[in-house]
Amino acid sequence: MPYVKIQITRDGVSKEQKRKLIQGVTQLLVDILNKDPASTHIVIEEIETDNWGIGGEQVTERRKRPKQS
């Protein structure tokens, strides 16, 4: 019984995108590991950007800065 947990920031991921992600990851496990899709569990956890840090800084604050090229 495969269990895959995907953590993403909560910032506009649509229901359709999540559906495609679940289908794609499930199919990948079928194709690569020959797993039964009926017993494959995919969980998407959305995390507030205030609760996600990169390089000692909250993602919320990082995203306020202009993007560097």
N, C-alpha and C. Protein backbone atom coordinates (compact mmCIF):
# COMPACT_ATOMS: atom_id res chain seq x y z
N MET A 1 0.84 -1.18 0.00
CA MET A 1 0.00 0.00 0.00
C MET A 1 0.89 1.25 0.00
N PRO A 2 1.17 1.83 -1.14
CA PRO A 2 1.96 3.06 -1.17
C PRO A 2 1.18 4.23 -0.57
N TYR A 3 1.92 5.08 0.13
CA TYR A 3 1.37 6.31 0.70
C TYR A 3 2.32 7.43 0.31
N VAL A 4 1.80 8.42 -0.39
CA VAL A 4 2.62 9.55 -0.83
C VAL A 4 2.00 10.82 -0.26
N LYS A 5 2.82 11.60 0.43
CA LYS A 5 2.36 12.86 0.99
C LYS A 5 3.07 13.99 0.24
N ILE A 6 2.29 14.88 -0.33
CA ILE A 6 2.82 16.00 -1.08
C ILE A 6 2.50 17.27 -0.30
N GLN A 7 3.52 18.03 0.04
CA GLN A 7 3.31 19.29 0.75
C GLN A 7 3.59 20.45 -0.20
N ILE A 8 2.61 21.35 -0.28
CA ILE A 8 2.74 22.54 -1.13
C ILE A 8 2.27 23.75 -0.34
N THR A 9 2.68 24.93 -0.77
CA THR A 9 2.16 26.13 -0.13
C THR A 9 0.74 26.38 -0.62
N ARG A 10 -0.05 26.95 0.28
CA ARG A 10 -1.44 27.25 -0.04
C ARG A 10 -1.49 28.59 -0.75
N ASP A 11 -1.51 28.54 -2.06
CA ASP A 11 -1.54 29.81 -2.79
C ASP A 11 -2.08 29.63 -4.20
N GLY A 12 -3.31 29.19 -4.27
CA GLY A 12 -3.99 29.18 -5.55
C GLY A 12 -3.91 27.91 -6.37
N VAL A 13 -3.61 26.78 -5.77
CA VAL A 13 -3.63 25.52 -6.51
C VAL A 13 -5.09 25.11 -6.66
N SER A 14 -5.50 24.88 -7.89
CA SER A 14 -6.91 24.58 -8.16
C SER A 14 -7.25 23.12 -7.86
N LYS A 15 -8.53 22.87 -7.74
CA LYS A 15 -9.02 21.50 -7.54
C LYS A 15 -8.59 20.62 -8.72
N GLU A 16 -8.65 21.17 -9.93
CA GLU A 16 -8.26 20.43 -11.13
C GLU A 16 -6.78 20.09 -11.12
N GLN A 17 -5.94 21.01 -10.69
CA GLN A 17 -4.50 20.74 -10.60
C GLN A 17 -4.23 19.64 -9.58
N LYS A 18 -4.93 19.66 -8.47
CA LYS A 18 -4.76 18.61 -7.45
C LYS A 18 -5.21 17.26 -8.00
N ARG A 19 -6.32 17.25 -8.73
CA ARG A 19 -6.82 16.01 -9.32
C ARG A 19 -5.77 15.43 -10.27
N LYS A 20 -5.18 16.28 -11.10
CA LYS A 20 -4.16 15.83 -12.04
C LYS A 20 -2.91 15.33 -11.32
N LEU A 21 -2.55 16.00 -10.25
CA LEU A 21 -1.39 15.58 -9.46
C LEU A 21 -1.62 14.19 -8.87
N ILE A 22 -2.80 13.98 -8.30
CA ILE A 22 -3.15 12.68 -7.71
C ILE A 22 -3.13 11.59 -8.78
N GLN A 23 -3.74 11.87 -9.92
CA GLN A 23 -3.75 10.89 -11.01
C GLN A 23 -2.34 10.61 -11.51
N GLY A 24 -1.55 11.65 -11.69
CA GLY A 24 -0.20 11.48 -12.23
C GLY A 24 0.72 10.70 -11.31
N VAL A 25 0.67 11.01 -10.02
CA VAL A 25 1.52 10.30 -9.05
C VAL A 25 1.09 8.84 -8.94
N THR A 26 -0.21 8.62 -8.94
CA THR A 26 -0.71 7.25 -8.89
C THR A 26 -0.23 6.47 -10.11
N GLN A 27 -0.35 7.07 -11.29
CA GLN A 27 0.09 6.39 -12.52
C GLN A 27 1.60 6.13 -12.51
N LEU A 28 2.36 7.07 -11.98
CA LEU A 28 3.81 6.89 -11.88
C LEU A 28 4.14 5.66 -11.04
N LEU A 29 3.44 5.48 -9.92
CA LEU A 29 3.67 4.31 -9.07
C LEU A 29 3.27 3.02 -9.78
N VAL A 30 2.23 3.09 -10.58
CA VAL A 30 1.82 1.92 -11.37
C VAL A 30 2.91 1.59 -12.40
N ASP A 31 3.34 2.62 -13.13
CA ASP A 31 4.30 2.42 -14.22
C ASP A 31 5.68 1.99 -13.73
N ILE A 32 6.16 2.61 -12.68
CA ILE A 32 7.53 2.36 -12.22
C ILE A 32 7.63 1.19 -11.24
N LEU A 33 6.69 1.12 -10.30
CA LEU A 33 6.77 0.10 -9.25
C LEU A 33 5.72 -1.00 -9.35
N ASN A 34 4.88 -0.92 -10.40
CA ASN A 34 3.83 -1.91 -10.60
C ASN A 34 2.87 -2.01 -9.40
N LYS A 35 2.55 -0.86 -8.81
CA LYS A 35 1.66 -0.83 -7.66
C LYS A 35 0.20 -0.80 -8.10
N ASP A 36 -0.65 -1.35 -7.26
CA ASP A 36 -2.08 -1.37 -7.51
C ASP A 36 -2.67 0.01 -7.21
N PRO A 37 -3.26 0.69 -8.19
CA PRO A 37 -3.80 2.02 -7.93
C PRO A 37 -4.92 2.02 -6.89
N ALA A 38 -5.63 0.91 -6.76
CA ALA A 38 -6.73 0.84 -5.79
C ALA A 38 -6.24 0.91 -4.35
N SER A 39 -4.97 0.58 -4.13
CA SER A 39 -4.45 0.63 -2.76
C SER A 39 -3.38 1.71 -2.61
N THR A 40 -3.32 2.63 -3.55
CA THR A 40 -2.34 3.72 -3.52
C THR A 40 -2.99 4.97 -2.95
N HIS A 41 -2.37 5.53 -1.93
CA HIS A 41 -2.91 6.71 -1.25
C HIS A 41 -2.02 7.92 -1.54
N ILE A 42 -2.65 9.00 -1.99
CA ILE A 42 -1.95 10.26 -2.24
C ILE A 42 -2.62 11.32 -1.38
N VAL A 43 -1.83 12.03 -0.58
CA VAL A 43 -2.35 13.08 0.29
C VAL A 43 -1.65 14.39 -0.07
N ILE A 44 -2.45 15.43 -0.32
CA ILE A 44 -1.89 16.75 -0.58
C ILE A 44 -2.17 17.61 0.63
N GLU A 45 -1.10 18.11 1.20
CA GLU A 45 -1.22 18.99 2.37
C GLU A 45 -0.82 20.40 1.95
N GLU A 46 -1.74 21.33 2.13
CA GLU A 46 -1.45 22.72 1.80
C GLU A 46 -1.05 23.47 3.07
N ILE A 47 0.07 24.16 3.00
CA ILE A 47 0.64 24.83 4.16
C ILE A 47 0.64 26.33 3.90
N GLU A 48 0.20 27.09 4.88
CA GLU A 48 0.21 28.54 4.76
C GLU A 48 1.65 29.02 4.56
N THR A 49 1.83 30.03 3.74
CA THR A 49 3.18 30.51 3.45
C THR A 49 3.86 31.10 4.69
N ASP A 50 3.09 31.54 5.70
CA ASP A 50 3.70 31.99 6.96
C ASP A 50 4.35 30.82 7.70
N ASN A 51 3.91 29.60 7.41
CA ASN A 51 4.40 28.41 8.10
C ASN A 51 5.44 27.64 7.30
N TRP A 52 5.94 28.22 6.22
CA TRP A 52 6.94 27.57 5.38
C TRP A 52 8.12 28.52 5.28
N GLY A 53 9.28 28.03 5.61
CA GLY A 53 10.47 28.88 5.57
C GLY A 53 11.53 28.36 4.62
N ILE A 54 12.24 29.29 4.01
CA ILE A 54 13.38 28.97 3.14
C ILE A 54 14.51 29.92 3.51
N GLY A 55 15.65 29.38 3.81
CA GLY A 55 16.79 30.23 4.12
C GLY A 55 16.58 31.15 5.31
N GLY A 56 15.82 30.68 6.29
CA GLY A 56 15.59 31.47 7.50
C GLY A 56 14.51 32.53 7.36
N GLU A 57 13.74 32.46 6.31
CA GLU A 57 12.74 33.49 6.05
C GLU A 57 11.41 32.84 5.65
N GLN A 58 10.31 33.44 6.10
CA GLN A 58 9.00 32.94 5.71
C GLN A 58 8.78 33.16 4.21
N VAL A 59 8.13 32.20 3.58
CA VAL A 59 7.83 32.31 2.16
C VAL A 59 6.98 33.56 1.89
N THR A 60 6.08 33.88 2.80
CA THR A 60 5.24 35.08 2.64
C THR A 60 6.10 36.31 2.41
N GLU A 61 7.16 36.46 3.22
CA GLU A 61 8.03 37.63 3.10
C GLU A 61 8.90 37.56 1.85
N ARG A 62 9.39 36.38 1.52
CA ARG A 62 10.22 36.22 0.30
C ARG A 62 9.44 36.62 -0.95
N ARG A 63 8.17 36.29 -0.96
CA ARG A 63 7.37 36.56 -2.15
C ARG A 63 6.99 38.05 -2.30
N LYS A 64 7.19 38.81 -1.26
CA LYS A 64 6.92 40.26 -1.33
C LYS A 64 8.02 40.99 -2.06
N ARG A 65 9.21 40.39 -2.09
CA ARG A 65 10.35 41.04 -2.75
C ARG A 65 10.25 40.90 -4.26
N PRO A 66 10.79 41.88 -4.99
CA PRO A 66 10.82 41.73 -6.45
C PRO A 66 11.67 40.52 -6.84
N LYS A 67 11.24 39.84 -7.89
CA LYS A 67 11.98 38.66 -8.36
C LYS A 67 13.28 39.10 -8.98
N GLN A 68 14.33 38.35 -8.70
CA GLN A 68 15.64 38.63 -9.28
C GLN A 68 15.80 37.84 -10.56
N SER A 69 16.44 38.45 -11.55
CA SER A 69 16.64 37.73 -12.81
C SER A 69 17.96 37.02 -12.84
